[in-house]
Amino acid sequence: MKICSTENMQIAERELIVSGTPARTLMNLAAAGIAESLMQFFPVPGLCIAYVGKGNNGGDALTVLNLLKQHGWEIGFRTAYPRIEWSELSMRQLAEISPPPQ
């Protein structure tokens, strides 16, 4: 397992985005890895509640929820900020969940 500092990860993400990789693609890849790991540790679908911030990390969490829902999980989320303060990408990821959790 490789460990990367927050600063180095931000640099790597910026370089990928500048070179043409959409931020949404990175978000979907990260979420797929997280959801896969969760399902390995918890093979029987259950309930997952995500605590969502207003930035793109919140979008990561929402994307994980969507993937878990597609695999039979019950999902929900709690947020520390009103949706009007969320990043555009996080709002788009919320819209991908059908129907969206309240």
N, C-alpha and C. Protein backbone atom coordinates (compact mmCIF):
# COMPACT_ATOMS: atom_id res chain seq x y z
N MET A 1 0.84 -1.17 0.00
CA MET A 1 0.00 0.00 0.00
C MET A 1 0.89 1.24 0.00
N LYS A 2 0.57 2.17 -0.88
CA LYS A 2 1.30 3.43 -0.92
C LYS A 2 0.51 4.48 -0.15
N ILE A 3 1.25 5.32 0.56
CA ILE A 3 0.63 6.40 1.31
C ILE A 3 1.07 7.72 0.68
N CYS A 4 0.12 8.62 0.53
CA CYS A 4 0.38 9.89 -0.13
C CYS A 4 -0.13 11.01 0.79
N SER A 5 0.65 12.07 0.90
CA SER A 5 0.20 13.20 1.71
C SER A 5 -0.95 13.91 1.00
N THR A 6 -1.71 14.67 1.78
CA THR A 6 -2.82 15.45 1.21
C THR A 6 -2.29 16.40 0.14
N GLU A 7 -1.19 17.05 0.44
CA GLU A 7 -0.61 18.01 -0.51
C GLU A 7 -0.22 17.31 -1.81
N ASN A 8 0.43 16.16 -1.72
CA ASN A 8 0.83 15.44 -2.93
C ASN A 8 -0.38 14.94 -3.72
N MET A 9 -1.43 14.54 -3.02
CA MET A 9 -2.65 14.09 -3.70
C MET A 9 -3.30 15.25 -4.44
N GLN A 10 -3.34 16.42 -3.81
CA GLN A 10 -3.91 17.60 -4.47
C GLN A 10 -3.13 17.97 -5.72
N ILE A 11 -1.81 17.88 -5.64
CA ILE A 11 -0.96 18.17 -6.81
C ILE A 11 -1.25 17.17 -7.93
N ALA A 12 -1.31 15.89 -7.57
CA ALA A 12 -1.58 14.84 -8.57
C ALA A 12 -2.94 15.04 -9.21
N GLU A 13 -3.96 15.35 -8.42
CA GLU A 13 -5.30 15.58 -8.96
C GLU A 13 -5.30 16.78 -9.90
N ARG A 14 -4.66 17.87 -9.49
CA ARG A 14 -4.59 19.07 -10.35
C ARG A 14 -3.93 18.74 -11.67
N GLU A 15 -2.83 17.99 -11.62
CA GLU A 15 -2.11 17.63 -12.86
C GLU A 15 -2.99 16.79 -13.78
N LEU A 16 -3.74 15.85 -13.20
CA LEU A 16 -4.63 15.03 -14.02
C LEU A 16 -5.74 15.86 -14.65
N ILE A 17 -6.31 16.77 -13.87
CA ILE A 17 -7.39 17.62 -14.38
C ILE A 17 -6.87 18.54 -15.48
N VAL A 18 -5.71 19.15 -15.25
CA VAL A 18 -5.11 20.04 -16.26
C VAL A 18 -4.80 19.28 -17.54
N SER A 19 -4.42 18.01 -17.40
CA SER A 19 -4.07 17.22 -18.60
C SER A 19 -5.31 16.66 -19.30
N GLY A 20 -6.51 16.95 -18.76
CA GLY A 20 -7.72 16.58 -19.48
C GLY A 20 -8.62 15.56 -18.81
N THR A 21 -8.24 15.04 -17.66
CA THR A 21 -9.11 14.09 -16.95
C THR A 21 -10.16 14.88 -16.17
N PRO A 22 -11.44 14.66 -16.46
CA PRO A 22 -12.48 15.41 -15.73
C PRO A 22 -12.48 15.06 -14.24
N ALA A 23 -12.75 16.06 -13.41
CA ALA A 23 -12.82 15.84 -11.96
C ALA A 23 -13.86 14.78 -11.62
N ARG A 24 -14.94 14.75 -12.37
CA ARG A 24 -15.99 13.75 -12.13
C ARG A 24 -15.47 12.33 -12.36
N THR A 25 -14.61 12.16 -13.33
CA THR A 25 -14.00 10.84 -13.58
C THR A 25 -13.17 10.41 -12.38
N LEU A 26 -12.37 11.33 -11.85
CA LEU A 26 -11.57 11.03 -10.67
C LEU A 26 -12.46 10.67 -9.48
N MET A 27 -13.55 11.41 -9.33
CA MET A 27 -14.49 11.16 -8.24
C MET A 27 -15.10 9.76 -8.38
N ASN A 28 -15.50 9.40 -9.59
CA ASN A 28 -16.11 8.09 -9.81
C ASN A 28 -15.11 6.96 -9.55
N LEU A 29 -13.86 7.16 -9.93
CA LEU A 29 -12.84 6.14 -9.69
C LEU A 29 -12.57 5.97 -8.19
N ALA A 30 -12.46 7.08 -7.48
CA ALA A 30 -12.23 7.02 -6.04
C ALA A 30 -13.41 6.34 -5.34
N ALA A 31 -14.61 6.72 -5.71
CA ALA A 31 -15.81 6.15 -5.09
C ALA A 31 -15.92 4.66 -5.37
N ALA A 32 -15.57 4.24 -6.57
CA ALA A 32 -15.63 2.81 -6.90
C ALA A 32 -14.69 2.02 -6.01
N GLY A 33 -13.50 2.54 -5.76
CA GLY A 33 -12.55 1.86 -4.88
C GLY A 33 -13.05 1.79 -3.45
N ILE A 34 -13.64 2.86 -2.97
CA ILE A 34 -14.17 2.88 -1.60
C ILE A 34 -15.34 1.91 -1.47
N ALA A 35 -16.27 1.97 -2.42
CA ALA A 35 -17.43 1.07 -2.36
C ALA A 35 -17.00 -0.39 -2.44
N GLU A 36 -16.04 -0.69 -3.29
CA GLU A 36 -15.54 -2.06 -3.41
C GLU A 36 -14.95 -2.53 -2.08
N SER A 37 -14.16 -1.68 -1.45
CA SER A 37 -13.57 -2.04 -0.15
C SER A 37 -14.65 -2.27 0.91
N LEU A 38 -15.64 -1.38 0.96
CA LEU A 38 -16.72 -1.55 1.93
C LEU A 38 -17.44 -2.88 1.72
N MET A 39 -17.71 -3.20 0.45
CA MET A 39 -18.44 -4.43 0.17
C MET A 39 -17.59 -5.67 0.45
N GLN A 40 -16.28 -5.54 0.40
CA GLN A 40 -15.41 -6.67 0.78
C GLN A 40 -15.49 -6.91 2.29
N PHE A 41 -15.47 -5.83 3.06
CA PHE A 41 -15.53 -5.97 4.52
C PHE A 41 -16.93 -6.28 5.02
N PHE A 42 -17.93 -5.82 4.28
CA PHE A 42 -19.33 -6.02 4.66
C PHE A 42 -20.07 -6.61 3.46
N PRO A 43 -19.93 -7.92 3.22
CA PRO A 43 -20.50 -8.52 2.02
C PRO A 43 -22.03 -8.58 2.00
N VAL A 44 -22.68 -8.48 3.15
CA VAL A 44 -24.14 -8.47 3.18
C VAL A 44 -24.58 -7.00 3.22
N PRO A 45 -25.38 -6.57 2.23
CA PRO A 45 -25.81 -5.17 2.22
C PRO A 45 -26.51 -4.78 3.52
N GLY A 46 -26.24 -3.57 3.95
CA GLY A 46 -26.82 -3.05 5.17
C GLY A 46 -27.22 -1.61 4.99
N LEU A 47 -27.03 -0.83 6.01
CA LEU A 47 -27.34 0.60 5.99
C LEU A 47 -26.04 1.38 6.05
N CYS A 48 -25.90 2.34 5.16
CA CYS A 48 -24.73 3.22 5.17
C CYS A 48 -25.21 4.66 5.24
N ILE A 49 -24.75 5.37 6.25
CA ILE A 49 -25.04 6.80 6.40
C ILE A 49 -23.72 7.53 6.20
N ALA A 50 -23.70 8.45 5.25
CA ALA A 50 -22.49 9.24 5.00
C ALA A 50 -22.66 10.63 5.60
N TYR A 51 -21.57 11.13 6.12
CA TYR A 51 -21.54 12.50 6.63
C TYR A 51 -20.86 13.34 5.56
N VAL A 52 -21.64 14.23 4.95
CA VAL A 52 -21.25 14.90 3.71
C VAL A 52 -20.90 16.36 3.96
N GLY A 53 -19.72 16.74 3.49
CA GLY A 53 -19.32 18.15 3.54
C GLY A 53 -19.81 18.86 2.30
N LYS A 54 -19.42 20.12 2.15
CA LYS A 54 -19.93 20.92 1.03
C LYS A 54 -19.05 20.86 -0.21
N GLY A 55 -17.85 20.31 -0.08
CA GLY A 55 -16.93 20.29 -1.22
C GLY A 55 -16.98 18.99 -2.00
N ASN A 56 -15.97 18.79 -2.82
CA ASN A 56 -15.96 17.61 -3.67
C ASN A 56 -15.78 16.31 -2.89
N ASN A 57 -15.21 16.35 -1.69
CA ASN A 57 -15.16 15.12 -0.89
C ASN A 57 -16.58 14.68 -0.54
N GLY A 58 -17.48 15.63 -0.36
CA GLY A 58 -18.88 15.28 -0.18
C GLY A 58 -19.43 14.58 -1.40
N GLY A 59 -19.01 15.02 -2.57
CA GLY A 59 -19.41 14.35 -3.82
C GLY A 59 -18.88 12.93 -3.88
N ASP A 60 -17.67 12.72 -3.37
CA ASP A 60 -17.12 11.35 -3.30
C ASP A 60 -18.04 10.48 -2.46
N ALA A 61 -18.43 10.98 -1.29
CA ALA A 61 -19.29 10.21 -0.39
C ALA A 61 -20.63 9.91 -1.03
N LEU A 62 -21.22 10.88 -1.72
CA LEU A 62 -22.50 10.65 -2.38
C LEU A 62 -22.38 9.62 -3.50
N THR A 63 -21.26 9.62 -4.19
CA THR A 63 -21.04 8.65 -5.26
C THR A 63 -20.90 7.25 -4.67
N VAL A 64 -20.21 7.13 -3.54
CA VAL A 64 -20.12 5.84 -2.84
C VAL A 64 -21.52 5.37 -2.47
N LEU A 65 -22.34 6.26 -1.92
CA LEU A 65 -23.70 5.89 -1.56
C LEU A 65 -24.47 5.36 -2.76
N ASN A 66 -24.34 6.02 -3.89
CA ASN A 66 -25.05 5.60 -5.09
C ASN A 66 -24.62 4.19 -5.51
N LEU A 67 -23.33 3.93 -5.46
CA LEU A 67 -22.83 2.60 -5.82
C LEU A 67 -23.34 1.54 -4.85
N LEU A 68 -23.33 1.85 -3.56
CA LEU A 68 -23.84 0.90 -2.57
C LEU A 68 -25.33 0.64 -2.79
N LYS A 69 -26.08 1.69 -3.08
CA LYS A 69 -27.52 1.54 -3.33
C LYS A 69 -27.74 0.59 -4.50
N GLN A 70 -26.92 0.71 -5.53
CA GLN A 70 -27.05 -0.17 -6.70
C GLN A 70 -26.78 -1.63 -6.34
N HIS A 71 -26.12 -1.86 -5.22
CA HIS A 71 -25.82 -3.22 -4.75
C HIS A 71 -26.71 -3.64 -3.58
N GLY A 72 -27.85 -2.96 -3.42
CA GLY A 72 -28.83 -3.40 -2.45
C GLY A 72 -28.75 -2.79 -1.07
N TRP A 73 -27.89 -1.82 -0.88
CA TRP A 73 -27.75 -1.18 0.43
C TRP A 73 -28.84 -0.13 0.62
N GLU A 74 -29.21 0.09 1.89
CA GLU A 74 -30.00 1.25 2.26
C GLU A 74 -29.01 2.38 2.50
N ILE A 75 -29.36 3.58 2.09
CA ILE A 75 -28.43 4.69 2.22
C ILE A 75 -29.12 5.92 2.79
N GLY A 76 -28.31 6.79 3.33
CA GLY A 76 -28.76 8.09 3.80
C GLY A 76 -27.55 8.97 4.02
N PHE A 77 -27.79 10.23 4.30
CA PHE A 77 -26.65 11.10 4.59
C PHE A 77 -27.07 12.21 5.53
N ARG A 78 -26.07 12.77 6.17
CA ARG A 78 -26.22 13.94 7.03
C ARG A 78 -25.23 14.98 6.49
N THR A 79 -25.60 16.22 6.61
CA THR A 79 -24.75 17.27 6.08
C THR A 79 -24.56 18.40 7.09
N ALA A 80 -23.38 18.99 7.05
CA ALA A 80 -23.06 20.08 7.96
C ALA A 80 -23.35 21.45 7.34
N TYR A 81 -23.66 21.46 6.04
CA TYR A 81 -23.87 22.73 5.34
C TYR A 81 -25.15 22.65 4.51
N PRO A 82 -25.84 23.75 4.33
CA PRO A 82 -27.01 23.74 3.45
C PRO A 82 -26.57 23.47 2.00
N ARG A 83 -27.45 22.84 1.24
CA ARG A 83 -27.11 22.46 -0.14
C ARG A 83 -26.71 23.64 -1.00
N ILE A 84 -27.20 24.81 -0.69
CA ILE A 84 -26.84 25.99 -1.49
C ILE A 84 -25.33 26.27 -1.44
N GLU A 85 -24.65 25.76 -0.39
CA GLU A 85 -23.20 25.97 -0.26
C GLU A 85 -22.39 24.83 -0.88
N TRP A 86 -23.04 23.78 -1.34
CA TRP A 86 -22.31 22.62 -1.89
C TRP A 86 -21.64 22.96 -3.21
N SER A 87 -20.58 22.24 -3.51
CA SER A 87 -19.93 22.40 -4.81
C SER A 87 -20.88 21.91 -5.90
N GLU A 88 -20.68 22.42 -7.09
CA GLU A 88 -21.51 22.01 -8.24
C GLU A 88 -21.40 20.51 -8.48
N LEU A 89 -20.19 19.98 -8.37
CA LEU A 89 -19.99 18.56 -8.62
C LEU A 89 -20.70 17.71 -7.56
N SER A 90 -20.70 18.14 -6.31
CA SER A 90 -21.43 17.40 -5.28
C SER A 90 -22.93 17.40 -5.56
N MET A 91 -23.46 18.52 -6.01
CA MET A 91 -24.88 18.58 -6.35
C MET A 91 -25.19 17.65 -7.52
N ARG A 92 -24.31 17.58 -8.49
CA ARG A 92 -24.52 16.66 -9.63
C ARG A 92 -24.49 15.21 -9.17
N GLN A 93 -23.60 14.88 -8.24
CA GLN A 93 -23.51 13.52 -7.76
C GLN A 93 -24.76 13.16 -6.95
N LEU A 94 -25.31 14.11 -6.19
CA LEU A 94 -26.55 13.86 -5.48
C LEU A 94 -27.67 13.55 -6.47
N ALA A 95 -27.72 14.27 -7.57
CA ALA A 95 -28.76 14.05 -8.58
C ALA A 95 -28.67 12.67 -9.22
N GLU A 96 -27.51 12.03 -9.16
CA GLU A 96 -27.33 10.69 -9.73
C GLU A 96 -28.03 9.63 -8.91
N ILE A 97 -28.30 9.91 -7.63
CA ILE A 97 -28.95 8.93 -6.77
C ILE A 97 -30.45 9.02 -7.05
N SER A 98 -31.04 7.89 -7.39
CA SER A 98 -32.45 7.90 -7.76
C SER A 98 -33.23 6.90 -6.91
N PRO A 99 -34.20 7.33 -6.15
CA PRO A 99 -34.47 8.72 -5.79
C PRO A 99 -33.44 9.19 -4.77
N PRO A 100 -33.16 10.47 -4.74
CA PRO A 100 -32.15 10.95 -3.78
C PRO A 100 -32.61 10.79 -2.34
N PRO A 101 -31.68 10.43 -1.44
CA PRO A 101 -32.04 10.39 -0.02
C PRO A 101 -32.31 11.80 0.48
N GLN A 102 -33.09 11.91 1.50
CA GLN A 102 -33.45 13.24 2.05
C GLN A 102 -32.39 13.73 3.00
